Protein backbone atom coordinates (compact mmCIF):
# COMPACT_ATOMS: atom_id res chain seq x y z
CA MET A 1 -6.17 14.88 -3.41
CA LYS A 2 -6.89 11.36 -2.35
CA TYR A 3 -4.10 8.72 -2.99
CA LEU A 4 -4.10 4.93 -2.56
CA MET A 5 -0.95 4.04 -0.82
CA LEU A 6 0.05 0.35 -1.56
CA VAL A 7 2.13 -1.07 1.26
CA CYS A 8 4.52 -3.67 -0.13
CA THR A 9 6.91 -6.00 1.82
CA ASP A 10 10.26 -7.04 0.92
CA PRO A 11 10.97 -10.71 1.77
CA ASP A 12 14.82 -10.02 1.88
CA TYR A 13 14.42 -7.42 4.65
CA LYS A 14 15.80 -8.36 8.08
CA PRO A 15 14.03 -6.90 11.09
CA GLY A 16 16.39 -4.39 12.80
CA GLN A 17 18.20 -3.71 9.46
CA ASP A 18 17.31 -0.16 9.61
CA GLU A 19 17.74 1.34 13.17
CA GLY A 20 15.33 4.15 13.74
CA ALA A 21 12.63 2.84 11.51
CA PRO A 22 9.15 4.20 12.73
CA ASP A 23 6.61 2.05 14.42
CA VAL A 24 3.53 1.28 12.29
CA GLU A 25 1.11 2.02 15.20
CA ASP A 26 2.69 5.35 15.94
CA TRP A 27 2.48 6.30 12.17
CA VAL A 28 -1.34 5.32 12.16
CA LYS A 29 -2.13 7.26 15.28
CA GLU A 30 -0.20 10.43 13.85
CA MET A 31 -1.84 10.27 10.49
CA ASP A 32 -5.34 9.49 11.78
CA GLY A 33 -4.91 12.39 14.24
CA LYS A 34 -4.08 14.79 11.35
CA GLY A 35 -7.11 13.50 9.54
CA ILE A 36 -4.69 12.45 6.72
CA ARG A 37 -5.45 8.71 6.68
CA LEU A 38 -8.88 7.96 5.75
CA MET A 39 -8.89 4.25 5.96
CA GLY A 40 -6.32 1.40 5.87
CA GLU A 41 -5.99 -2.31 6.46
CA ARG A 42 -3.53 -5.29 6.36
CA VAL A 43 -4.29 -7.86 3.72
CA ARG A 44 -3.80 -11.63 3.96
CA PRO A 45 -0.63 -13.18 2.39
CA VAL A 46 -0.29 -14.07 -1.10
CA SER A 47 -0.88 -17.60 -0.57
CA ASP A 48 -4.66 -16.49 0.11
CA ALA A 49 -4.85 -14.54 -3.01
CA THR A 50 -7.09 -15.35 -6.04
CA THR A 51 -6.62 -13.67 -9.38
CA VAL A 52 -10.00 -13.44 -11.39
CA ARG A 53 -9.99 -12.94 -15.26
CA VAL A 54 -12.73 -13.27 -17.80
CA ARG A 55 -11.67 -14.44 -21.34
CA ASN A 56 -14.37 -15.26 -23.98
CA ARG A 57 -17.00 -15.34 -21.47
CA GLU A 58 -15.11 -17.93 -19.22
CA VAL A 59 -14.21 -17.05 -15.67
CA LEU A 60 -10.40 -17.90 -15.14
CA LEU A 61 -9.19 -18.24 -11.64
CA THR A 62 -5.52 -18.45 -10.66
CA ASP A 63 -4.25 -19.15 -7.09
CA GLY A 64 -1.98 -16.38 -5.95
CA PRO A 65 -1.25 -12.92 -7.13
CA TYR A 66 -1.36 -11.72 -10.71
CA ALA A 67 2.16 -10.47 -10.77
CA GLU A 68 5.08 -12.50 -10.29
CA THR A 69 7.27 -10.28 -8.14
CA LYS A 70 9.16 -10.62 -4.93
CA ASP A 71 7.56 -7.58 -3.30
CA GLN A 72 4.05 -8.39 -2.13
CA ILE A 73 1.13 -6.19 -1.24
CA ALA A 74 0.83 -6.41 2.56
CA GLY A 75 -1.96 -3.71 3.00
CA PHE A 76 -3.12 -0.32 1.85
CA ASP A 77 -4.14 3.22 3.06
CA VAL A 78 -6.32 5.91 1.63
CA ILE A 79 -4.80 9.24 2.36
CA ASP A 80 -6.00 12.73 1.54
CA CYS A 81 -3.15 15.19 0.97
CA ALA A 82 -2.91 18.75 -0.54
CA ASP A 83 -0.66 17.29 -3.37
CA LEU A 84 1.95 14.72 -4.24
CA ASP A 85 4.75 16.36 -2.18
CA GLU A 86 2.69 15.90 0.90
CA ALA A 87 1.50 12.40 -0.02
CA ILE A 88 5.38 11.64 -0.59
CA GLU A 89 6.12 12.97 2.90
CA VAL A 90 3.34 10.90 4.67
CA ALA A 91 4.65 7.72 2.77
CA SER A 92 8.09 8.06 3.58
CA LYS A 93 7.16 8.15 7.36
CA HIS A 94 5.51 4.70 6.80
CA PRO A 95 7.63 1.95 8.47
CA MET A 96 7.27 -0.21 5.24
CA ALA A 97 9.05 2.48 3.28
CA TRP A 98 12.06 1.38 5.37
CA ALA A 99 11.24 -2.38 5.12
CA GLY A 100 9.76 -2.62 1.61
CA MET A 101 8.13 0.11 -0.37
CA ILE A 102 5.07 2.28 -0.82
CA GLU A 103 3.32 2.96 -4.00
CA LEU A 104 1.37 6.02 -4.38
CA ARG A 105 -1.60 6.36 -6.85
CA PRO A 106 -3.82 9.24 -7.15
CA PHE A 107 -7.44 8.50 -7.40
CA TRP A 108 -9.31 9.91 -10.49
CA THR A 109 -11.34 13.00 -9.86
CA ASP A 110 -14.52 14.18 -11.68
CA GLY A 111 -13.76 15.68 -15.00
CA GLU A 112 -10.54 13.97 -15.56
CA ASP A 113 -9.94 11.63 -18.57
């Protein structure tokens, strides 16, 4: 099953706060080597975000993210795991699980409503 892994930062996190946190390059190398990580990329900061809405046929733009939250999306990965338990294991090894949070969302599959 494929999962979108949203990688979010915590602006209150201080580097070195959690000794033993894994290195992101090591995580990428391990997951790529196992064929679990299908793709991933960092994204620009929220200051570069644009939110697009259409209301009454009018395009409305807002600078910044849609949600007002302290945690911000820093990147994403698409992973392919046997089930949610494996996806949780993979996400828990990502450095940002130590310094922010990881949100897992399964992709829709054919035939699902």
